[in-house]
Amino acid sequence: MYGMRRENLPNAPIYNQRLQTALREVKSQLGELESIIGRCPIASDDESKISALFKQVRNQAQFEYPTTRTIGFVGDSGVGEDIV
């Protein structure tokens, strides 16, 4: 039986550890910025640029990327496509 969880990540720039660390740090900083901007009274004024910025930062701070991958199998049904 094939164990996908033990599979090495592809050799692609997006899986680079330094990049992944930087992305986590940026997400954390965006969360802090969201909190700071959210305390500003004009953040709730839809006419202000601060409000538009607040919405963008909030959206980006809440971004979650998938922790799983989608894979497909080609073949006849029931011939051993077991995966863990």
PDB file of N, CA and C in Angstrom:
ATOM      1  N   MET A   1       0.846  -1.165   0.000  1.00  0.00           N
ATOM      2  CA  MET A   1       0.000   0.000   0.000  1.00  0.00           C
ATOM      3  C   MET A   1       0.901   1.241   0.000  1.00  0.00           C
ATOM      4  N   TYR A   2       0.541   2.220  -0.780  1.00  0.00           N
ATOM      5  CA  TYR A   2       1.321   3.450  -0.920  1.00  0.00           C
ATOM      6  C   TYR A   2       0.952   4.433   0.177  1.00  0.00           C
ATOM      7  N   GLY A   3       1.930   5.017   0.840  1.00  0.00           N
ATOM      8  CA  GLY A   3       1.696   6.000   1.901  1.00  0.00           C
ATOM      9  C   GLY A   3       2.083   7.397   1.447  1.00  0.00           C
ATOM     10  N   MET A   4       1.113   8.187   1.010  1.00  0.00           N
ATOM     11  CA  MET A   4       1.385   9.515   0.479  1.00  0.00           C
ATOM     12  C   MET A   4       2.013  10.440   1.521  1.00  0.00           C
ATOM     13  N   ARG A   5       1.702  10.248   2.795  1.00  0.00           N
ATOM     14  CA  ARG A   5       2.238  11.126   3.833  1.00  0.00           C
ATOM     15  C   ARG A   5       3.753  11.002   3.952  1.00  0.00           C
ATOM     16  N   ARG A   6       4.320   9.905   3.500  1.00  0.00           N
ATOM     17  CA  ARG A   6       5.766   9.707   3.550  1.00  0.00           C
ATOM     18  C   ARG A   6       6.455  10.185   2.272  1.00  0.00           C
ATOM     19  N   GLU A   7       5.691  10.658   1.326  1.00  0.00           N
ATOM     20  CA  GLU A   7       6.240  11.105   0.043  1.00  0.00           C
ATOM     21  C   GLU A   7       7.002  12.423   0.205  1.00  0.00           C
ATOM     22  N   ASN A   8       8.141  12.537  -0.461  1.00  0.00           N
ATOM     23  CA  ASN A   8       8.889  13.790  -0.460  1.00  0.00           C
ATOM     24  C   ASN A   8       8.136  14.826  -1.283  1.00  0.00           C
ATOM     25  N   LEU A   9       8.221  16.077  -0.838  1.00  0.00           N
ATOM     26  CA  LEU A   9       7.581  17.152  -1.589  1.00  0.00           C
ATOM     27  C   LEU A   9       8.290  17.342  -2.928  1.00  0.00           C
ATOM     28  N   PRO A  10       7.561  17.794  -3.929  1.00  0.00           N
ATOM     29  CA  PRO A  10       8.185  18.046  -5.236  1.00  0.00           C
ATOM     30  C   PRO A  10       9.268  19.117  -5.120  1.00  0.00           C
ATOM     31  N   ASN A  11      10.222  19.063  -6.025  1.00  0.00           N
ATOM     32  CA  ASN A  11      11.293  20.055  -6.049  1.00  0.00           C
ATOM     33  C   ASN A  11      10.806  21.273  -6.821  1.00  0.00           C
ATOM     34  N   ALA A  12       9.984  22.072  -6.158  1.00  0.00           N
ATOM     35  CA  ALA A  12       9.429  23.276  -6.767  1.00  0.00           C
ATOM     36  C   ALA A  12       9.663  24.435  -5.809  1.00  0.00           C
ATOM     37  N   PRO A  13       9.856  25.654  -6.326  1.00  0.00           N
ATOM     38  CA  PRO A  13      10.141  26.807  -5.465  1.00  0.00           C
ATOM     39  C   PRO A  13       9.111  27.027  -4.351  1.00  0.00           C
ATOM     40  N   ILE A  14       7.864  26.712  -4.572  1.00  0.00           N
ATOM     41  CA  ILE A  14       6.817  26.957  -3.573  1.00  0.00           C
ATOM     42  C   ILE A  14       7.024  26.115  -2.314  1.00  0.00           C
ATOM     43  N   TYR A  15       7.743  25.001  -2.425  1.00  0.00           N
ATOM     44  CA  TYR A  15       7.972  24.127  -1.273  1.00  0.00           C
ATOM     45  C   TYR A  15       9.272  24.443  -0.544  1.00  0.00           C
ATOM     46  N   ASN A  16       9.993  25.489  -0.959  1.00  0.00           N
ATOM     47  CA  ASN A  16      11.234  25.886  -0.329  1.00  0.00           C
ATOM     48  C   ASN A  16      10.955  26.290   1.124  1.00  0.00           C
ATOM     49  N   GLN A  17      11.749  25.766   2.052  1.00  0.00           N
ATOM     50  CA  GLN A  17      11.510  26.009   3.478  1.00  0.00           C
ATOM     51  C   GLN A  17      11.610  27.487   3.835  1.00  0.00           C
ATOM     52  N   ARG A  18      12.573  28.197   3.260  1.00  0.00           N
ATOM     53  CA  ARG A  18      12.720  29.638   3.547  1.00  0.00           C
ATOM     54  C   ARG A  18      11.485  30.402   3.084  1.00  0.00           C
ATOM     55  N   LEU A  19      10.965  30.045   1.919  1.00  0.00           N
ATOM     56  CA  LEU A  19       9.762  30.704   1.406  1.00  0.00           C
ATOM     57  C   LEU A  19       8.564  30.408   2.309  1.00  0.00           C
ATOM     58  N   GLN A  20       8.416  29.163   2.721  1.00  0.00           N
ATOM     59  CA  GLN A  20       7.301  28.790   3.583  1.00  0.00           C
ATOM     60  C   GLN A  20       7.375  29.540   4.925  1.00  0.00           C
ATOM     61  N   THR A  21       8.567  29.671   5.474  1.00  0.00           N
ATOM     62  CA  THR A  21       8.751  30.413   6.727  1.00  0.00           C
ATOM     63  C   THR A  21       8.392  31.882   6.532  1.00  0.00           C
ATOM     64  N   ALA A  22       8.858  32.463   5.433  1.00  0.00           N
ATOM     65  CA  ALA A  22       8.557  33.873   5.146  1.00  0.00           C
ATOM     66  C   ALA A  22       7.054  34.087   4.979  1.00  0.00           C
ATOM     67  N   LEU A  23       6.373  33.171   4.306  1.00  0.00           N
ATOM     68  CA  LEU A  23       4.927  33.296   4.119  1.00  0.00           C
ATOM     69  C   LEU A  23       4.181  33.230   5.450  1.00  0.00           C
ATOM     70  N   ARG A  24       4.615  32.345   6.347  1.00  0.00           N
ATOM     71  CA  ARG A  24       3.990  32.265   7.673  1.00  0.00           C
ATOM     72  C   ARG A  24       4.205  33.566   8.447  1.00  0.00           C
ATOM     73  N   GLU A  25       5.412  34.136   8.348  1.00  0.00           N
ATOM     74  CA  GLU A  25       5.701  35.395   9.041  1.00  0.00           C
ATOM     75  C   GLU A  25       4.860  36.533   8.489  1.00  0.00           C
ATOM     76  N   VAL A  26       4.729  36.612   7.173  1.00  0.00           N
ATOM     77  CA  VAL A  26       3.917  37.661   6.553  1.00  0.00           C
ATOM     78  C   VAL A  26       2.460  37.527   6.986  1.00  0.00           C
ATOM     79  N   LYS A  27       1.959  36.296   7.022  1.00  0.00           N
ATOM     80  CA  LYS A  27       0.576  36.078   7.452  1.00  0.00           C
ATOM     81  C   LYS A  27       0.380  36.544   8.893  1.00  0.00           C
ATOM     82  N   SER A  28       1.347  36.260   9.746  1.00  0.00           N
ATOM     83  CA  SER A  28       1.278  36.698  11.136  1.00  0.00           C
ATOM     84  C   SER A  28       1.299  38.226  11.221  1.00  0.00           C
ATOM     85  N   GLN A  29       2.161  38.853  10.458  1.00  0.00           N
ATOM     86  CA  GLN A  29       2.247  40.314  10.452  1.00  0.00           C
ATOM     87  C   GLN A  29       0.962  40.945   9.920  1.00  0.00           C
ATOM     88  N   LEU A  30       0.360  40.326   8.925  1.00  0.00           N
ATOM     89  CA  LEU A  30      -0.914  40.834   8.415  1.00  0.00           C
ATOM     90  C   LEU A  30      -1.997  40.757   9.485  1.00  0.00           C
ATOM     91  N   GLY A  31      -1.967  39.697  10.286  1.00  0.00           N
ATOM     92  CA  GLY A  31      -2.930  39.580  11.385  1.00  0.00           C
ATOM     93  C   GLY A  31      -2.755  40.696  12.399  1.00  0.00           C
ATOM     94  N   GLU A  32      -1.499  41.031  12.703  1.00  0.00           N
ATOM     95  CA  GLU A  32      -1.232  42.130  13.629  1.00  0.00           C
ATOM     96  C   GLU A  32      -1.689  43.459  13.028  1.00  0.00           C
ATOM     97  N   LEU A  33      -1.398  43.661  11.751  1.00  0.00           N
ATOM     98  CA  LEU A  33      -1.810  44.890  11.076  1.00  0.00           C
ATOM     99  C   LEU A  33      -3.328  45.011  11.038  1.00  0.00           C
ATOM    100  N   GLU A  34      -4.003  43.899  10.808  1.00  0.00           N
ATOM    101  CA  GLU A  34      -5.472  43.893  10.815  1.00  0.00           C
ATOM    102  C   GLU A  34      -6.000  44.371  12.168  1.00  0.00           C
ATOM    103  N   SER A  35      -5.392  43.883  13.227  1.00  0.00           N
ATOM    104  CA  SER A  35      -5.814  44.266  14.565  1.00  0.00           C
ATOM    105  C   SER A  35      -5.616  45.763  14.804  1.00  0.00           C
ATOM    106  N   ILE A  36      -4.484  46.276  14.370  1.00  0.00           N
ATOM    107  CA  ILE A  36      -4.178  47.699  14.562  1.00  0.00           C
ATOM    108  C   ILE A  36      -5.125  48.571  13.745  1.00  0.00           C
ATOM    109  N   ILE A  37      -5.301  48.236  12.461  1.00  0.00           N
ATOM    110  CA  ILE A  37      -6.182  49.041  11.606  1.00  0.00           C
ATOM    111  C   ILE A  37      -7.622  48.950  12.091  1.00  0.00           C
ATOM    112  N   GLY A  38      -8.028  47.778  12.576  1.00  0.00           N
ATOM    113  CA  GLY A  38      -9.393  47.573  13.041  1.00  0.00           C
ATOM    114  C   GLY A  38      -9.781  48.478  14.199  1.00  0.00           C
ATOM    115  N   ARG A  39      -8.789  48.928  14.956  1.00  0.00           N
ATOM    116  CA  ARG A  39      -9.053  49.833  16.085  1.00  0.00           C
ATOM    117  C   ARG A  39      -9.251  51.279  15.635  1.00  0.00           C
ATOM    118  N   CYS A  40      -8.917  51.565  14.404  1.00  0.00           N
ATOM    119  CA  CYS A  40      -9.044  52.927  13.874  1.00  0.00           C
ATOM    120  C   CYS A  40     -10.526  53.204  13.572  1.00  0.00           C
ATOM    121  N   PRO A  41     -11.082  54.288  14.081  1.00  0.00           N
ATOM    122  CA  PRO A  41     -12.510  54.576  13.893  1.00  0.00           C
ATOM    123  C   PRO A  41     -12.945  54.639  12.422  1.00  0.00           C
ATOM    124  N   ILE A  42     -12.060  55.095  11.534  1.00  0.00           N
ATOM    125  CA  ILE A  42     -12.495  55.209  10.131  1.00  0.00           C
ATOM    126  C   ILE A  42     -12.380  53.892   9.362  1.00  0.00           C
ATOM    127  N   ALA A  43     -11.918  52.826  10.038  1.00  0.00           N
ATOM    128  CA  ALA A  43     -11.851  51.520   9.378  1.00  0.00           C
ATOM    129  C   ALA A  43     -13.248  51.005   9.028  1.00  0.00           C
ATOM    130  N   SER A  44     -14.267  51.483   9.742  1.00  0.00           N
ATOM    131  CA  SER A  44     -15.639  51.047   9.461  1.00  0.00           C
ATOM    132  C   SER A  44     -16.381  51.998   8.528  1.00  0.00           C
ATOM    133  N   ASP A  45     -15.710  53.069   8.107  1.00  0.00           N
ATOM    134  CA  ASP A  45     -16.307  54.027   7.167  1.00  0.00           C
ATOM    135  C   ASP A  45     -16.026  53.550   5.745  1.00  0.00           C
ATOM    136  N   ASP A  46     -17.041  53.008   5.084  1.00  0.00           N
ATOM    137  CA  ASP A  46     -16.860  52.427   3.749  1.00  0.00           C
ATOM    138  C   ASP A  46     -16.363  53.422   2.709  1.00  0.00           C
ATOM    139  N   GLU A  47     -16.423  54.704   3.007  1.00  0.00           N
ATOM    140  CA  GLU A  47     -15.946  55.731   2.079  1.00  0.00           C
ATOM    141  C   GLU A  47     -14.440  55.973   2.191  1.00  0.00           C
ATOM    142  N   SER A  48     -13.818  55.496   3.259  1.00  0.00           N
ATOM    143  CA  SER A  48     -12.410  55.799   3.487  1.00  0.00           C
ATOM    144  C   SER A  48     -11.491  54.766   2.841  1.00  0.00           C
ATOM    145  N   LYS A  49     -10.301  55.227   2.508  1.00  0.00           N
ATOM    146  CA  LYS A  49      -9.287  54.318   1.971  1.00  0.00           C
ATOM    147  C   LYS A  49      -8.793  53.359   3.053  1.00  0.00           C
ATOM    148  N   ILE A  50      -8.833  53.802   4.292  1.00  0.00           N
ATOM    149  CA  ILE A  50      -8.438  52.940   5.413  1.00  0.00           C
ATOM    150  C   ILE A  50      -9.372  51.737   5.500  1.00  0.00           C
ATOM    151  N   SER A  51     -10.644  51.969   5.259  1.00  0.00           N
ATOM    152  CA  SER A  51     -11.616  50.876   5.291  1.00  0.00           C
ATOM    153  C   SER A  51     -11.309  49.853   4.208  1.00  0.00           C
ATOM    154  N   ALA A  52     -10.990  50.331   3.008  1.00  0.00           N
ATOM    155  CA  ALA A  52     -10.652  49.418   1.903  1.00  0.00           C
ATOM    156  C   ALA A  52      -9.376  48.644   2.230  1.00  0.00           C
ATOM    157  N   LEU A  53      -8.388  49.330   2.791  1.00  0.00           N
ATOM    158  CA  LEU A  53      -7.143  48.683   3.178  1.00  0.00           C
ATOM    159  C   LEU A  53      -7.394  47.648   4.275  1.00  0.00           C
ATOM    160  N   PHE A  54      -8.229  48.002   5.245  1.00  0.00           N
ATOM    161  CA  PHE A  54      -8.562  47.084   6.330  1.00  0.00           C
ATOM    162  C   PHE A  54      -9.189  45.799   5.783  1.00  0.00           C
ATOM    163  N   LYS A  55     -10.105  45.938   4.846  1.00  0.00           N
ATOM    164  CA  LYS A  55     -10.760  44.762   4.259  1.00  0.00           C
ATOM    165  C   LYS A  55      -9.760  43.883   3.516  1.00  0.00           C
ATOM    166  N   GLN A  56      -8.840  44.513   2.791  1.00  0.00           N
ATOM    167  CA  GLN A  56      -7.826  43.745   2.064  1.00  0.00           C
ATOM    168  C   GLN A  56      -6.906  43.000   3.027  1.00  0.00           C
ATOM    169  N   VAL A  57      -6.450  43.702   4.050  1.00  0.00           N
ATOM    170  CA  VAL A  57      -5.550  43.086   5.031  1.00  0.00           C
ATOM    171  C   VAL A  57      -6.258  41.950   5.758  1.00  0.00           C
ATOM    172  N   ARG A  58      -7.517  42.169   6.144  1.00  0.00           N
ATOM    173  CA  ARG A  58      -8.284  41.123   6.830  1.00  0.00           C
ATOM    174  C   ARG A  58      -8.417  39.893   5.946  1.00  0.00           C
ATOM    175  N   ASN A  59      -8.725  40.110   4.683  1.00  0.00           N
ATOM    176  CA  ASN A  59      -8.864  39.010   3.720  1.00  0.00           C
ATOM    177  C   ASN A  59      -7.557  38.231   3.597  1.00  0.00           C
ATOM    178  N   GLN A  60      -6.459  38.940   3.447  1.00  0.00           N
ATOM    179  CA  GLN A  60      -5.164  38.285   3.266  1.00  0.00           C
ATOM    180  C   GLN A  60      -4.682  37.613   4.548  1.00  0.00           C
ATOM    181  N   ALA A  61      -4.975  38.185   5.699  1.00  0.00           N
ATOM    182  CA  ALA A  61      -4.562  37.603   6.970  1.00  0.00           C
ATOM    183  C   ALA A  61      -5.296  36.284   7.243  1.00  0.00           C
ATOM    184  N   GLN A  62      -6.481  36.121   6.672  1.00  0.00           N
ATOM    185  CA  GLN A  62      -7.274  34.909   6.895  1.00  0.00           C
ATOM    186  C   GLN A  62      -7.020  33.832   5.848  1.00  0.00           C
ATOM    187  N   PHE A  63      -6.125  34.097   4.906  1.00  0.00           N
ATOM    188  CA  PHE A  63      -5.842  33.135   3.840  1.00  0.00           C
ATOM    189  C   PHE A  63      -5.327  31.827   4.427  1.00  0.00           C
ATOM    190  N   GLU A  64      -5.872  30.748   3.968  1.00  0.00           N
ATOM    191  CA  GLU A  64      -5.419  29.414   4.349  1.00  0.00           C
ATOM    192  C   GLU A  64      -5.156  28.622   3.078  1.00  0.00           C
ATOM    193  N   TYR A  65      -4.004  28.024   2.993  1.00  0.00           N
ATOM    194  CA  TYR A  65      -3.740  27.176   1.844  1.00  0.00           C
ATOM    195  C   TYR A  65      -4.009  25.726   2.235  1.00  0.00           C
ATOM    196  N   PRO A  66      -4.363  24.908   1.252  1.00  0.00           N
ATOM    197  CA  PRO A  66      -4.709  23.522   1.571  1.00  0.00           C
ATOM    198  C   PRO A  66      -3.506  22.755   2.124  1.00  0.00           C
ATOM    199  N   THR A  67      -3.764  21.895   3.079  1.00  0.00           N
ATOM    200  CA  THR A  67      -2.698  21.068   3.643  1.00  0.00           C
ATOM    201  C   THR A  67      -2.640  19.698   2.968  1.00  0.00           C
ATOM    202  N   THR A  68      -3.537  19.471   2.053  1.00  0.00           N
ATOM    203  CA  THR A  68      -3.555  18.200   1.327  1.00  0.00           C
ATOM    204  C   THR A  68      -3.450  18.452  -0.166  1.00  0.00           C
ATOM    205  N   ARG A  69      -3.175  17.425  -0.883  1.00  0.00           N
ATOM    206  CA  ARG A  69      -3.143  17.510  -2.341  1.00  0.00           C
ATOM    207  C   ARG A  69      -4.226  16.604  -2.903  1.00  0.00           C
ATOM    208  N   THR A  70      -4.725  16.969  -4.052  1.00  0.00           N
ATOM    209  CA  THR A  70      -5.713  16.143  -4.731  1.00  0.00           C
ATOM    210  C   THR A  70      -4.988  15.323  -5.787  1.00  0.00           C
ATOM    211  N   ILE A  71      -5.236  14.037  -5.756  1.00  0.00           N
ATOM    212  CA  ILE A  71      -4.628  13.154  -6.746  1.00  0.00           C
ATOM    213  C   ILE A  71      -5.727  12.336  -7.415  1.00  0.00           C
ATOM    214  N   GLY A  72      -5.440  11.803  -8.568  1.00  0.00           N
ATOM    215  CA  GLY A  72      -6.416  10.981  -9.277  1.00  0.00           C
ATOM    216  C   GLY A  72      -5.802   9.660  -9.696  1.00  0.00           C
ATOM    217  N   PHE A  73      -6.637   8.685  -9.874  1.00  0.00           N
ATOM    218  CA  PHE A  73      -6.203   7.365 -10.315  1.00  0.00           C
ATOM    219  C   PHE A  73      -6.908   7.016 -11.604  1.00  0.00           C
ATOM    220  N   VAL A  74      -6.180   6.385 -12.470  1.00  0.00           N
ATOM    221  CA  VAL A  74      -6.761   5.928 -13.726  1.00  0.00           C
ATOM    222  C   VAL A  74      -6.627   4.415 -13.747  1.00  0.00           C
ATOM    223  N   GLY A  75      -7.717   3.753 -14.040  1.00  0.00           N
ATOM    224  CA  GLY A  75      -7.677   2.291 -14.121  1.00  0.00           C
ATOM    225  C   GLY A  75      -9.041   1.698 -13.853  1.00  0.00           C
ATOM    226  N   ASP A  76      -9.101   0.405 -13.983  1.00  0.00           N
ATOM    227  CA  ASP A  76     -10.350  -0.303 -13.742  1.00  0.00           C
ATOM    228  C   ASP A  76     -10.698  -0.266 -12.253  1.00  0.00           C
ATOM    229  N   SER A  77     -11.967  -0.223 -11.965  1.00  0.00           N
ATOM    230  CA  SER A  77     -12.442  -0.182 -10.598  1.00  0.00           C
ATOM    231  C   SER A  77     -12.117  -1.481  -9.872  1.00  0.00           C
ATOM    232  N   GLY A  78     -11.684  -1.318  -8.600  1.00  0.00           N
ATOM    233  CA  GLY A  78     -11.473  -2.478  -7.743  1.00  0.00           C
ATOM    234  C   GLY A  78     -10.199  -3.277  -8.009  1.00  0.00           C
ATOM    235  N   VAL A  79      -9.187  -2.670  -8.622  1.00  0.00           N
ATOM    236  CA  VAL A  79      -7.973  -3.420  -8.907  1.00  0.00           C
ATOM    237  C   VAL A  79      -6.799  -2.988  -8.034  1.00  0.00           C
ATOM    238  N   GLY A  80      -7.085  -2.422  -6.871  1.00  0.00           N
ATOM    239  CA  GLY A  80      -6.021  -2.164  -5.909  1.00  0.00           C
ATOM    240  C   GLY A  80      -5.490  -0.749  -5.854  1.00  0.00           C
ATOM    241  N   GLU A  81      -6.338   0.245  -6.013  1.00  0.00           N
ATOM    242  CA  GLU A  81      -5.880   1.628  -5.935  1.00  0.00           C
ATOM    243  C   GLU A  81      -5.867   2.101  -4.480  1.00  0.00           C
ATOM    244  N   ASP A  82      -5.355   1.303  -3.555  1.00  0.00           N
ATOM    245  CA  ASP A  82      -5.332   1.668  -2.137  1.00  0.00           C
ATOM    246  C   ASP A  82      -4.319   2.796  -1.911  1.00  0.00           C
ATOM    247  N   ILE A  83      -4.712   3.732  -1.062  1.00  0.00           N
ATOM    248  CA  ILE A  83      -3.821   4.825  -0.688  1.00  0.00           C
ATOM    249  C   ILE A  83      -4.056   5.170   0.767  1.00  0.00           C
ATOM    250  N   VAL A  84      -3.018   5.597   1.435  1.00  0.00           N
ATOM    251  CA  VAL A  84      -3.113   5.969   2.845  1.00  0.00           C
ATOM    252  C   VAL A  84      -2.754   7.437   2.991  1.00  0.00           C
TER     253      VAL A  84
END
